[in-house]
């Protein structure tokens, strides 16, 4: 009987054998960055579309992007706890309850990590507590997602999946991966492994937007400038060769002007009130980061190409790390 049982166990182990993924076939961050750099014109519009929609959603939650950033910073601390504890929740399970416990925090770390003054960090946290978004229950800190209509990132998952799918076409053509992956493959994987994948997303997104915030002083100014620049890019996209690399693309983008965009359209695209848009635009005009024509249409100004190219390069490195990790996870699963 023991021999029969042992034979059955050996058979089942052979039947259930899992192939160990080949380390040498993994995608590297350098390969991803190389592909982004070389095919920047082809990928740029997809990526900027995602970022502008994400920024609009971030602003709409509180009409205050600093508050939103504080929230995702705290949420990411909890997702890091899950990851360290080998806990992975799918999308539906994570959003099953409206209230979640978040890790303890202090104002000094928020101020340092998010590039805001201690006074501003303290004021924003107090405002979030008054709104009922953050609640202290003895030693616990609770985030209440019912307050102010927190948006689930369903659309963000779809949009980032579209970008990743498009990017696998480029990586396949460059010979870095053996097959392309559909939008649905990425969507299903991210939703199934939500807390881990969104931890990776926040680890990219938070430092990426902080890099631009540091250059412009605040999120709204960068958001408005980015819309003016990307509209110029979208309207001139047919003039770029699909294989235009990143540096040439940026030089061409700021050396030639497109059709331009008015303040009302910027307000509609960003979700930022027109009065705020006009005030921020006036500041951008004073710094010559944008210019205006006789039709009151705004265009990118003459910027320090190297400075903004370096910020973009750092952003693309962060995107490379995120993209590499997600695609490798897809490939081994």
C-alpha atoms as a PDB file:
ATOM      1  CA  UNK A   1       0.000   0.000   0.000  1.00  0.00           C
ATOM      2  CA  UNK A   2       2.839   2.363   0.875  1.00  0.00           C
ATOM      3  CA  UNK A   3       4.483   1.687  -2.491  1.00  0.00           C
ATOM      4  CA  UNK A   4       1.233   2.450  -4.269  1.00  0.00           C
ATOM      5  CA  UNK A   5       0.844   5.690  -2.307  1.00  0.00           C
ATOM      6  CA  UNK A   6       4.441   6.707  -2.943  1.00  0.00           C
ATOM      7  CA  UNK A   7       4.060   5.976  -6.629  1.00  0.00           C
ATOM      8  CA  UNK A   8       0.905   8.104  -6.748  1.00  0.00           C
ATOM      9  CA  UNK A   9       2.667  10.984  -4.989  1.00  0.00           C
ATOM     10  CA  UNK A  10       5.608  10.839  -7.411  1.00  0.00           C
ATOM     11  CA  UNK A  11       3.149  10.792 -10.343  1.00  0.00           C
ATOM     12  CA  UNK A  12       1.265  13.805  -8.998  1.00  0.00           C
ATOM     13  CA  UNK A  13       4.488  15.735  -8.377  1.00  0.00           C
ATOM     14  CA  UNK A  14       5.528  15.115 -11.983  1.00  0.00           C
ATOM     15  CA  UNK A  15       2.058  16.086 -13.215  1.00  0.00           C
ATOM     16  CA  UNK A  16       2.032  19.256 -11.126  1.00  0.00           C
ATOM     17  CA  UNK A  17       5.625  20.230 -11.935  1.00  0.00           C
ATOM     18  CA  UNK A  18       6.006  23.974 -12.451  1.00  0.00           C
ATOM     19  CA  UNK A  19       8.672  25.195 -14.845  1.00  0.00           C
ATOM     20  CA  UNK A  20      11.056  27.682 -13.256  1.00  0.00           C
ATOM     21  CA  UNK A  21      11.163  30.860 -15.378  1.00  0.00           C
ATOM     22  CA  UNK A  22      14.400  31.519 -17.224  1.00  0.00           C
ATOM     23  CA  UNK A  23      16.345  34.329 -15.558  1.00  0.00           C
ATOM     24  CA  UNK A  24      18.177  35.160 -18.777  1.00  0.00           C
ATOM     25  CA  UNK A  25      14.875  35.781 -20.601  1.00  0.00           C
ATOM     26  CA  UNK A  26      13.748  38.474 -18.193  1.00  0.00           C
ATOM     27  CA  UNK A  27      13.262  41.950 -19.529  1.00  0.00           C
ATOM     28  CA  UNK A  28      15.751  44.438 -18.065  1.00  0.00           C
ATOM     29  CA  UNK A  29      15.146  48.051 -17.039  1.00  0.00           C
ATOM     30  CA  UNK A  30      17.913  49.147 -19.425  1.00  0.00           C
ATOM     31  CA  UNK A  31      16.154  47.438 -22.341  1.00  0.00           C
ATOM     32  CA  UNK A  32      12.873  49.155 -21.469  1.00  0.00           C
ATOM     33  CA  UNK A  33      14.509  52.578 -21.168  1.00  0.00           C
ATOM     34  CA  UNK A  34      16.381  52.010 -24.430  1.00  0.00           C
ATOM     35  CA  UNK A  35      13.104  51.210 -26.178  1.00  0.00           C
ATOM     36  CA  UNK A  36      11.326  54.247 -24.659  1.00  0.00           C
ATOM     37  CA  UNK A  37      14.216  56.506 -25.614  1.00  0.00           C
ATOM     38  CA  UNK A  38      14.381  55.241 -29.191  1.00  0.00           C
ATOM     39  CA  UNK A  39      10.619  55.196 -29.848  1.00  0.00           C
ATOM     40  CA  UNK A  40       9.599  58.220 -27.788  1.00  0.00           C
ATOM     41  CA  UNK A  41       7.445  59.835 -30.481  1.00  0.00           C
ATOM     42  CA  UNK A  42       5.496  56.616 -30.923  1.00  0.00           C
ATOM     43  CA  UNK A  43       4.821  56.152 -27.190  1.00  0.00           C
ATOM     44  CA  UNK A  44       4.634  59.729 -25.978  1.00  0.00           C
ATOM     45  CA  UNK A  45       0.988  60.518 -26.750  1.00  0.00           C
ATOM     46  CA  UNK A  46      -0.260  57.313 -25.099  1.00  0.00           C
ATOM     47  CA  UNK A  47       1.785  58.035 -21.976  1.00  0.00           C
ATOM     48  CA  UNK A  48       0.881  61.727 -21.735  1.00  0.00           C
ATOM     49  CA  UNK A  49      -2.801  60.920 -22.254  1.00  0.00           C
ATOM     50  CA  UNK A  50      -2.628  58.618 -19.262  1.00  0.00           C
ATOM     51  CA  UNK A  51      -0.822  61.173 -17.079  1.00  0.00           C
ATOM     52  CA  UNK A  52      -3.181  64.048 -17.906  1.00  0.00           C
ATOM     53  CA  UNK A  53      -6.256  61.945 -17.128  1.00  0.00           C
ATOM     54  CA  UNK A  54      -4.650  60.776 -13.880  1.00  0.00           C
ATOM     55  CA  UNK A  55      -3.882  64.366 -12.861  1.00  0.00           C
ATOM     56  CA  UNK A  56      -7.450  65.411 -13.653  1.00  0.00           C
ATOM     57  CA  UNK A  57      -8.785  62.605 -11.457  1.00  0.00           C
ATOM     58  CA  UNK A  58      -6.343  63.513  -8.678  1.00  0.00           C
ATOM     59  CA  UNK A  59      -7.513  67.134  -8.709  1.00  0.00           C
ATOM     60  CA  UNK A  60     -11.219  66.271  -8.855  1.00  0.00           C
ATOM     61  CA  UNK A  61     -11.083  64.220  -5.618  1.00  0.00           C
ATOM     62  CA  UNK A  62     -10.356  67.175  -3.304  1.00  0.00           C
ATOM     63  CA  UNK A  63      -9.822  70.149  -5.640  1.00  0.00           C
ATOM     64  CA  UNK A  64      -6.387  70.005  -4.041  1.00  0.00           C
ATOM     65  CA  UNK A  65      -3.644  67.813  -5.482  1.00  0.00           C
ATOM     66  CA  UNK A  66      -1.468  68.046  -2.341  1.00  0.00           C
ATOM     67  CA  UNK A  67      -4.235  66.443  -0.270  1.00  0.00           C
ATOM     68  CA  UNK A  68      -4.647  63.702  -2.844  1.00  0.00           C
ATOM     69  CA  UNK A  69      -0.899  63.077  -2.823  1.00  0.00           C
ATOM     70  CA  UNK A  70      -0.913  62.788   0.979  1.00  0.00           C
ATOM     71  CA  UNK A  71      -3.677  60.185   0.720  1.00  0.00           C
ATOM     72  CA  UNK A  72      -1.929  58.016  -1.885  1.00  0.00           C
ATOM     73  CA  UNK A  73       1.335  58.375   0.045  1.00  0.00           C
ATOM     74  CA  UNK A  74      -0.391  56.958   3.147  1.00  0.00           C
ATOM     75  CA  UNK A  75      -2.199  54.264   1.141  1.00  0.00           C
ATOM     76  CA  UNK A  76       1.102  53.195  -0.365  1.00  0.00           C
ATOM     77  CA  UNK A  77       2.586  52.756   3.113  1.00  0.00           C
ATOM     78  CA  UNK A  78      -0.217  50.249   3.791  1.00  0.00           C
ATOM     79  CA  UNK A  79       0.359  48.501   0.459  1.00  0.00           C
ATOM     80  CA  UNK A  80       4.040  48.227   1.370  1.00  0.00           C
ATOM     81  CA  UNK A  81       2.991  46.546   4.625  1.00  0.00           C
ATOM     82  CA  UNK A  82       0.903  44.057   2.626  1.00  0.00           C
ATOM     83  CA  UNK A  83       3.855  43.376   0.326  1.00  0.00           C
ATOM     84  CA  UNK A  84       6.304  42.828   3.202  1.00  0.00           C
ATOM     85  CA  UNK A  85       3.795  40.433   4.757  1.00  0.00           C
ATOM     86  CA  UNK A  86       3.350  38.508   1.469  1.00  0.00           C
ATOM     87  CA  UNK A  87      -0.295  39.593   1.275  1.00  0.00           C
ATOM     88  CA  UNK A  88      -1.806  40.280  -2.140  1.00  0.00           C
ATOM     89  CA  UNK A  89      -5.414  41.439  -2.411  1.00  0.00           C
ATOM     90  CA  UNK A  90      -7.323  41.549  -5.652  1.00  0.00           C
ATOM     91  CA  UNK A  91      -9.169  44.687  -6.746  1.00  0.00           C
ATOM     92  CA  UNK A  92     -12.626  43.618  -5.524  1.00  0.00           C
ATOM     93  CA  UNK A  93     -11.363  42.373  -2.161  1.00  0.00           C
ATOM     94  CA  UNK A  94      -9.399  45.551  -1.513  1.00  0.00           C
ATOM     95  CA  UNK A  95     -12.448  47.740  -2.191  1.00  0.00           C
ATOM     96  CA  UNK A  96     -14.901  45.453  -0.388  1.00  0.00           C
ATOM     97  CA  UNK A  97     -14.768  47.698   2.684  1.00  0.00           C
ATOM     98  CA  UNK A  98     -15.023  51.465   2.564  1.00  0.00           C
ATOM     99  CA  UNK A  99     -12.735  51.918   5.571  1.00  0.00           C
ATOM    100  CA  UNK A 100      -9.162  50.693   5.671  1.00  0.00           C
ATOM    101  CA  UNK A 101      -6.476  50.931   8.321  1.00  0.00           C
ATOM    102  CA  UNK A 102      -3.363  52.776   7.238  1.00  0.00           C
ATOM    103  CA  UNK A 103       0.127  52.807   8.712  1.00  0.00           C
ATOM    104  CA  UNK A 104       1.063  55.385  11.313  1.00  0.00           C
ATOM    105  CA  UNK A 105       2.672  58.553   9.976  1.00  0.00           C
ATOM    106  CA  UNK A 106       4.236  61.786  11.105  1.00  0.00           C
ATOM    107  CA  UNK A 107       4.120  65.299   9.688  1.00  0.00           C
ATOM    108  CA  UNK A 108       7.907  65.576   9.328  1.00  0.00           C
ATOM    109  CA  UNK A 109       8.057  62.571   6.970  1.00  0.00           C
ATOM    110  CA  UNK A 110       5.090  63.803   4.917  1.00  0.00           C
ATOM    111  CA  UNK A 111       6.744  67.208   4.604  1.00  0.00           C
ATOM    112  CA  UNK A 112      10.108  65.752   3.606  1.00  0.00           C
ATOM    113  CA  UNK A 113       8.844  63.031   1.279  1.00  0.00           C
ATOM    114  CA  UNK A 114       6.219  65.144  -0.523  1.00  0.00           C
ATOM    115  CA  UNK A 115       8.163  68.435  -0.763  1.00  0.00           C
ATOM    116  CA  UNK A 116       5.734  70.540   1.258  1.00  0.00           C
ATOM    117  CA  UNK A 117       6.399  72.648   4.338  1.00  0.00           C
ATOM    118  CA  UNK A 118       5.672  71.191   7.778  1.00  0.00           C
ATOM    119  CA  UNK A 119       3.027  73.874   8.321  1.00  0.00           C
ATOM    120  CA  UNK A 120       1.281  72.991   5.040  1.00  0.00           C
ATOM    121  CA  UNK A 121       1.495  69.250   5.736  1.00  0.00           C
ATOM    122  CA  UNK A 122       0.006  69.717   9.207  1.00  0.00           C
ATOM    123  CA  UNK A 123      -2.788  71.946   7.857  1.00  0.00           C
ATOM    124  CA  UNK A 124      -3.677  69.546   5.035  1.00  0.00           C
ATOM    125  CA  UNK A 125      -3.802  66.555   7.407  1.00  0.00           C
ATOM    126  CA  UNK A 126      -6.024  68.483   9.826  1.00  0.00           C
ATOM    127  CA  UNK A 127      -8.334  69.410   6.937  1.00  0.00           C
ATOM    128  CA  UNK A 128      -8.521  65.750   5.908  1.00  0.00           C
ATOM    129  CA  UNK A 129      -9.415  64.852   9.496  1.00  0.00           C
ATOM    130  CA  UNK A 130     -12.122  67.539   9.637  1.00  0.00           C
ATOM    131  CA  UNK A 131     -13.570  66.162   6.404  1.00  0.00           C
ATOM    132  CA  UNK A 132     -13.686  62.705   7.997  1.00  0.00           C
ATOM    133  CA  UNK A 133     -11.341  61.233   5.409  1.00  0.00           C
ATOM    134  CA  UNK A 134      -8.773  60.394   8.097  1.00  0.00           C
ATOM    135  CA  UNK A 135      -9.931  59.227  11.526  1.00  0.00           C
ATOM    136  CA  UNK A 136      -7.970  58.273  14.614  1.00  0.00           C
ATOM    137  CA  UNK A 137      -9.358  55.353  16.619  1.00  0.00           C
ATOM    138  CA  UNK A 138      -7.090  54.785  19.605  1.00  0.00           C
ATOM    139  CA  UNK A 139      -3.862  53.503  18.038  1.00  0.00           C
ATOM    140  CA  UNK A 140      -5.463  52.964  14.633  1.00  0.00           C
ATOM    141  CA  UNK A 141      -5.638  55.456  11.757  1.00  0.00           C
ATOM    142  CA  UNK A 142      -8.594  54.829   9.454  1.00  0.00           C
ATOM    143  CA  UNK A 143      -9.047  56.048   5.882  1.00  0.00           C
ATOM    144  CA  UNK A 144     -12.747  56.446   5.010  1.00  0.00           C
ATOM    145  CA  UNK A 145     -13.168  56.129   1.250  1.00  0.00           C
ATOM    146  CA  UNK A 146     -16.849  57.101   1.440  1.00  0.00           C
ATOM    147  CA  UNK A 147     -15.904  60.721   2.094  1.00  0.00           C
ATOM    148  CA  UNK A 148     -15.778  63.059  -0.894  1.00  0.00           C
ATOM    149  CA  UNK A 149     -16.578  60.276  -3.336  1.00  0.00           C
ATOM    150  CA  UNK A 150     -13.222  58.547  -3.572  1.00  0.00           C
ATOM    151  CA  UNK A 151     -12.756  57.193  -7.054  1.00  0.00           C
ATOM    152  CA  UNK A 152     -11.680  53.623  -7.587  1.00  0.00           C
ATOM    153  CA  UNK A 153      -8.794  53.474 -10.073  1.00  0.00           C
ATOM    154  CA  UNK A 154     -10.720  51.367 -12.585  1.00  0.00           C
ATOM    155  CA  UNK A 155     -10.144  53.815 -15.431  1.00  0.00           C
ATOM    156  CA  UNK A 156      -6.498  54.268 -14.459  1.00  0.00           C
ATOM    157  CA  UNK A 157      -6.011  50.490 -14.638  1.00  0.00           C
ATOM    158  CA  UNK A 158      -7.583  50.435 -18.089  1.00  0.00           C
ATOM    159  CA  UNK A 159      -5.502  53.354 -19.362  1.00  0.00           C
ATOM    160  CA  UNK A 160      -2.198  52.057 -17.995  1.00  0.00           C
ATOM    161  CA  UNK A 161      -3.058  48.650 -19.492  1.00  0.00           C
ATOM    162  CA  UNK A 162      -3.590  50.271 -22.898  1.00  0.00           C
ATOM    163  CA  UNK A 163      -0.187  51.944 -22.632  1.00  0.00           C
ATOM    164  CA  UNK A 164       1.549  48.736 -21.506  1.00  0.00           C
ATOM    165  CA  UNK A 165      -0.068  46.767 -24.315  1.00  0.00           C
ATOM    166  CA  UNK A 166       1.047  49.340 -26.909  1.00  0.00           C
ATOM    167  CA  UNK A 167       4.515  49.283 -25.412  1.00  0.00           C
ATOM    168  CA  UNK A 168       4.811  45.500 -25.736  1.00  0.00           C
ATOM    169  CA  UNK A 169       4.353  45.979 -29.489  1.00  0.00           C
ATOM    170  CA  UNK A 170       7.422  48.232 -29.480  1.00  0.00           C
ATOM    171  CA  UNK A 171       9.419  45.904 -27.235  1.00  0.00           C
ATOM    172  CA  UNK A 172       8.503  42.974 -29.494  1.00  0.00           C
ATOM    173  CA  UNK A 173       9.621  44.870 -32.612  1.00  0.00           C
ATOM    174  CA  UNK A 174      12.890  45.744 -30.859  1.00  0.00           C
ATOM    175  CA  UNK A 175      13.437  42.054 -30.072  1.00  0.00           C
ATOM    176  CA  UNK A 176      13.342  42.458 -26.283  1.00  0.00           C
ATOM    177  CA  UNK A 177      10.325  40.182 -25.671  1.00  0.00           C
ATOM    178  CA  UNK A 178       9.011  37.153 -27.523  1.00  0.00           C
ATOM    179  CA  UNK A 179       5.346  38.152 -27.796  1.00  0.00           C
ATOM    180  CA  UNK A 180       2.904  41.043 -27.535  1.00  0.00           C
ATOM    181  CA  UNK A 181       0.286  41.247 -24.781  1.00  0.00           C
ATOM    182  CA  UNK A 182      -3.236  42.595 -25.073  1.00  0.00           C
ATOM    183  CA  UNK A 183      -4.796  45.276 -22.901  1.00  0.00           C
ATOM    184  CA  UNK A 184      -7.011  42.601 -21.321  1.00  0.00           C
ATOM    185  CA  UNK A 185      -3.993  40.558 -20.181  1.00  0.00           C
ATOM    186  CA  UNK A 186      -2.628  43.532 -18.241  1.00  0.00           C
ATOM    187  CA  UNK A 187      -6.025  44.542 -16.868  1.00  0.00           C
ATOM    188  CA  UNK A 188      -6.782  41.055 -15.590  1.00  0.00           C
ATOM    189  CA  UNK A 189      -3.350  40.641 -14.011  1.00  0.00           C
ATOM    190  CA  UNK A 190      -3.376  44.047 -12.282  1.00  0.00           C
ATOM    191  CA  UNK A 191      -6.899  43.538 -10.939  1.00  0.00           C
ATOM    192  CA  UNK A 192      -6.051  40.037  -9.690  1.00  0.00           C
ATOM    193  CA  UNK A 193      -2.833  41.238  -7.995  1.00  0.00           C
ATOM    194  CA  UNK A 194      -4.043  44.733  -7.252  1.00  0.00           C
ATOM    195  CA  UNK A 195      -2.272  45.703  -4.022  1.00  0.00           C
ATOM    196  CA  UNK A 196       1.130  44.578  -5.295  1.00  0.00           C
ATOM    197  CA  UNK A 197       0.756  46.113  -8.762  1.00  0.00           C
ATOM    198  CA  UNK A 198      -0.610  49.401  -7.406  1.00  0.00           C
ATOM    199  CA  UNK A 199       2.247  49.555  -4.910  1.00  0.00           C
ATOM    200  CA  UNK A 200       4.600  49.397  -7.895  1.00  0.00           C
ATOM    201  CA  UNK A 201       2.512  52.051  -9.649  1.00  0.00           C
ATOM    202  CA  UNK A 202       2.666  54.464  -6.692  1.00  0.00           C
ATOM    203  CA  UNK A 203       6.418  53.851  -6.350  1.00  0.00           C
ATOM    204  CA  UNK A 204       6.696  55.171  -9.894  1.00  0.00           C
ATOM    205  CA  UNK A 205       4.022  57.852  -9.846  1.00  0.00           C
ATOM    206  CA  UNK A 206       4.760  59.649  -6.575  1.00  0.00           C
ATOM    207  CA  UNK A 207       8.447  60.479  -7.280  1.00  0.00           C
ATOM    208  CA  UNK A 208       7.645  61.121 -10.951  1.00  0.00           C
ATOM    209  CA  UNK A 209       5.129  63.879 -10.251  1.00  0.00           C
ATOM    210  CA  UNK A 210       7.249  65.246  -7.392  1.00  0.00           C
ATOM    211  CA  UNK A 211      10.086  65.753  -9.892  1.00  0.00           C
ATOM    212  CA  UNK A 212       7.839  68.009 -11.977  1.00  0.00           C
ATOM    213  CA  UNK A 213       6.372  69.711  -8.908  1.00  0.00           C
ATOM    214  CA  UNK A 214       9.879  70.660  -7.787  1.00  0.00           C
ATOM    215  CA  UNK A 215      10.510  72.317 -11.150  1.00  0.00           C
ATOM    216  CA  UNK A 216       7.227  74.281 -11.218  1.00  0.00           C
ATOM    217  CA  UNK A 217       6.562  74.930  -7.525  1.00  0.00           C
ATOM    218  CA  UNK A 218       3.075  73.383  -7.419  1.00  0.00           C
ATOM    219  CA  UNK A 219       1.018  70.700  -9.141  1.00  0.00           C
ATOM    220  CA  UNK A 220      -1.564  72.997 -10.741  1.00  0.00           C
ATOM    221  CA  UNK A 221       1.109  75.028 -12.553  1.00  0.00           C
ATOM    222  CA  UNK A 222       2.783  71.893 -13.877  1.00  0.00           C
ATOM    223  CA  UNK A 223      -0.602  70.399 -14.854  1.00  0.00           C
ATOM    224  CA  UNK A 224      -1.545  73.519 -16.846  1.00  0.00           C
ATOM    225  CA  UNK A 225       1.882  73.757 -18.493  1.00  0.00           C
ATOM    226  CA  UNK A 226       1.759  70.046 -19.384  1.00  0.00           C
ATOM    227  CA  UNK A 227      -1.617  70.471 -21.100  1.00  0.00           C
ATOM    228  CA  UNK A 228      -0.309  73.365 -23.198  1.00  0.00           C
ATOM    229  CA  UNK A 229       2.788  71.364 -24.141  1.00  0.00           C
ATOM    230  CA  UNK A 230       0.950  68.131 -24.890  1.00  0.00           C
ATOM    231  CA  UNK A 231      -1.683  69.894 -26.987  1.00  0.00           C
ATOM    232  CA  UNK A 232       1.169  71.290 -29.034  1.00  0.00           C
ATOM    233  CA  UNK A 233       2.567  67.769 -29.254  1.00  0.00           C
ATOM    234  CA  UNK A 234      -0.739  66.101 -30.204  1.00  0.00           C
ATOM    235  CA  UNK A 235      -1.521  68.613 -32.941  1.00  0.00           C
ATOM    236  CA  UNK A 236       1.931  68.189 -34.438  1.00  0.00           C
ATOM    237  CA  UNK A 237       2.267  64.435 -33.916  1.00  0.00           C
ATOM    238  CA  UNK A 238       1.957  63.690 -37.619  1.00  0.00           C
ATOM    239  CA  UNK A 239       5.098  65.753 -38.213  1.00  0.00           C
ATOM    240  CA  UNK A 240       7.195  63.427 -36.066  1.00  0.00           C
ATOM    241  CA  UNK A 241       8.693  60.227 -37.394  1.00  0.00           C
ATOM    242  CA  UNK A 242       7.423  57.348 -35.226  1.00  0.00           C
ATOM    243  CA  UNK A 243      11.056  56.433 -34.498  1.00  0.00           C
ATOM    244  CA  UNK A 244      12.036  59.929 -33.318  1.00  0.00           C
ATOM    245  CA  UNK A 245      14.082  59.505 -30.156  1.00  0.00           C
ATOM    246  CA  UNK A 246      13.397  61.268 -26.873  1.00  0.00           C
ATOM    247  CA  UNK A 247      16.008  64.043 -27.049  1.00  0.00           C
ATOM    248  CA  UNK A 248      15.228  65.027 -30.644  1.00  0.00           C
ATOM    249  CA  UNK A 249      11.506  64.942 -29.896  1.00  0.00           C
ATOM    250  CA  UNK A 250      11.890  67.351 -26.956  1.00  0.00           C
ATOM    251  CA  UNK A 251      14.127  69.741 -28.935  1.00  0.00           C
ATOM    252  CA  UNK A 252      11.686  69.801 -31.872  1.00  0.00           C
ATOM    253  CA  UNK A 253       8.676  70.159 -29.573  1.00  0.00           C
ATOM    254  CA  UNK A 254       9.972  73.376 -28.029  1.00  0.00           C
ATOM    255  CA  UNK A 255      11.501  74.856 -31.168  1.00  0.00           C
ATOM    256  CA  UNK A 256       8.294  74.842 -33.231  1.00  0.00           C
ATOM    257  CA  UNK A 257       4.780  75.944 -32.401  1.00  0.00           C
ATOM    258  CA  UNK A 258       1.489  74.196 -33.061  1.00  0.00           C
ATOM    259  CA  UNK A 259      -2.049  75.549 -33.124  1.00  0.00           C
ATOM    260  CA  UNK A 260      -2.191  76.567 -29.453  1.00  0.00           C
ATOM    261  CA  UNK A 261      -4.928  76.296 -26.824  1.00  0.00           C
ATOM    262  CA  UNK A 262      -7.044  78.844 -24.924  1.00  0.00           C
ATOM    263  CA  UNK A 263      -7.566  79.178 -21.171  1.00  0.00           C
ATOM    264  CA  UNK A 264     -11.116  77.817 -21.243  1.00  0.00           C
ATOM    265  CA  UNK A 265      -9.977  74.621 -22.962  1.00  0.00           C
ATOM    266  CA  UNK A 266      -7.150  74.226 -20.445  1.00  0.00           C
ATOM    267  CA  UNK A 267      -9.716  74.549 -17.635  1.00  0.00           C
ATOM    268  CA  UNK A 268     -12.002  71.942 -19.230  1.00  0.00           C
ATOM    269  CA  UNK A 269      -9.155  69.468 -19.795  1.00  0.00           C
ATOM    270  CA  UNK A 270      -7.658  69.874 -16.318  1.00  0.00           C
ATOM    271  CA  UNK A 271     -10.823  70.290 -14.251  1.00  0.00           C
ATOM    272  CA  UNK A 272      -9.156  73.322 -12.625  1.00  0.00           C
ATOM    273  CA  UNK A 273     -11.394  76.432 -12.341  1.00  0.00           C
ATOM    274  CA  UNK A 274     -10.820  78.993 -15.090  1.00  0.00           C
ATOM    275  CA  UNK A 275      -9.846  81.755 -12.613  1.00  0.00           C
ATOM    276  CA  UNK A 276      -7.072  79.547 -11.208  1.00  0.00           C
ATOM    277  CA  UNK A 277      -5.981  78.586 -14.726  1.00  0.00           C
ATOM    278  CA  UNK A 278      -5.703  82.250 -15.758  1.00  0.00           C
ATOM    279  CA  UNK A 279      -3.676  83.093 -12.626  1.00  0.00           C
ATOM    280  CA  UNK A 280      -1.276  80.205 -13.164  1.00  0.00           C
ATOM    281  CA  UNK A 281      -0.987  81.001 -16.884  1.00  0.00           C
ATOM    282  CA  UNK A 282       0.011  84.590 -16.044  1.00  0.00           C
ATOM    283  CA  UNK A 283       2.792  83.243 -13.819  1.00  0.00           C
ATOM    284  CA  UNK A 284       3.970  80.939 -16.623  1.00  0.00           C
ATOM    285  CA  UNK A 285       3.950  83.885 -19.055  1.00  0.00           C
ATOM    286  CA  UNK A 286       6.087  85.983 -16.680  1.00  0.00           C
ATOM    287  CA  UNK A 287       8.631  83.159 -16.526  1.00  0.00           C
ATOM    288  CA  UNK A 288       8.417  82.792 -20.343  1.00  0.00           C
ATOM    289  CA  UNK A 289       7.628  79.097 -19.953  1.00  0.00           C
ATOM    290  CA  UNK A 290       4.693  79.679 -22.303  1.00  0.00           C
ATOM    291  CA  UNK A 291       3.880  82.324 -24.905  1.00  0.00           C
ATOM    292  CA  UNK A 292       0.569  83.729 -26.154  1.00  0.00           C
ATOM    293  CA  UNK A 293      -0.362  84.700 -29.715  1.00  0.00           C
ATOM    294  CA  UNK A 294      -2.751  87.441 -30.928  1.00  0.00           C
ATOM    295  CA  UNK A 295      -5.682  85.001 -30.743  1.00  0.00           C
ATOM    296  CA  UNK A 296      -5.100  84.440 -27.002  1.00  0.00           C
ATOM    297  CA  UNK A 297      -3.880  80.904 -27.671  1.00  0.00           C
ATOM    298  CA  UNK A 298      -1.046  79.577 -25.557  1.00  0.00           C
ATOM    299  CA  UNK A 299       2.051  77.705 -26.772  1.00  0.00           C
ATOM    300  CA  UNK A 300       5.168  76.256 -25.114  1.00  0.00           C
ATOM    301  CA  UNK A 301       7.810  78.893 -24.452  1.00  0.00           C
ATOM    302  CA  UNK A 302      11.565  78.782 -24.840  1.00  0.00           C
ATOM    303  CA  UNK A 303      12.635  76.576 -21.950  1.00  0.00           C
ATOM    304  CA  UNK A 304      15.998  75.357 -20.714  1.00  0.00           C
ATOM    305  CA  UNK A 305      16.009  72.227 -22.854  1.00  0.00           C
ATOM    306  CA  UNK A 306      18.588  70.366 -20.756  1.00  0.00           C
ATOM    307  CA  UNK A 307      16.801  71.060 -17.458  1.00  0.00           C
ATOM    308  CA  UNK A 308      13.443  69.757 -18.644  1.00  0.00           C
ATOM    309  CA  UNK A 309      14.988  66.946 -20.662  1.00  0.00           C
ATOM    310  CA  UNK A 310      16.731  65.752 -17.471  1.00  0.00           C
ATOM    311  CA  UNK A 311      13.430  65.793 -15.533  1.00  0.00           C
ATOM    312  CA  UNK A 312      11.778  63.880 -18.360  1.00  0.00           C
ATOM    313  CA  UNK A 313      14.678  61.423 -18.454  1.00  0.00           C
ATOM    314  CA  UNK A 314      14.268  60.704 -14.740  1.00  0.00           C
ATOM    315  CA  UNK A 315      10.514  60.238 -15.267  1.00  0.00           C
ATOM    316  CA  UNK A 316      11.208  57.772 -18.090  1.00  0.00           C
ATOM    317  CA  UNK A 317      13.610  55.830 -15.841  1.00  0.00           C
ATOM    318  CA  UNK A 318      10.842  55.515 -13.240  1.00  0.00           C
ATOM    319  CA  UNK A 319       8.434  54.400 -15.986  1.00  0.00           C
ATOM    320  CA  UNK A 320      11.039  51.862 -17.166  1.00  0.00           C
ATOM    321  CA  UNK A 321      11.299  50.306 -13.705  1.00  0.00           C
ATOM    322  CA  UNK A 322       7.519  49.994 -13.339  1.00  0.00           C
ATOM    323  CA  UNK A 323       7.009  48.690 -16.879  1.00  0.00           C
ATOM    324  CA  UNK A 324       9.831  46.175 -16.561  1.00  0.00           C
ATOM    325  CA  UNK A 325       8.460  44.740 -13.301  1.00  0.00           C
ATOM    326  CA  UNK A 326       4.877  44.433 -14.564  1.00  0.00           C
ATOM    327  CA  UNK A 327       5.831  42.843 -17.902  1.00  0.00           C
ATOM    328  CA  UNK A 328       8.177  40.369 -16.189  1.00  0.00           C
ATOM    329  CA  UNK A 329       5.387  39.398 -13.792  1.00  0.00           C
ATOM    330  CA  UNK A 330       3.077  38.848 -16.770  1.00  0.00           C
ATOM    331  CA  UNK A 331       5.695  36.767 -18.584  1.00  0.00           C
ATOM    332  CA  UNK A 332       6.308  34.379 -15.661  1.00  0.00           C
ATOM    333  CA  UNK A 333       2.599  33.949 -14.977  1.00  0.00           C
END
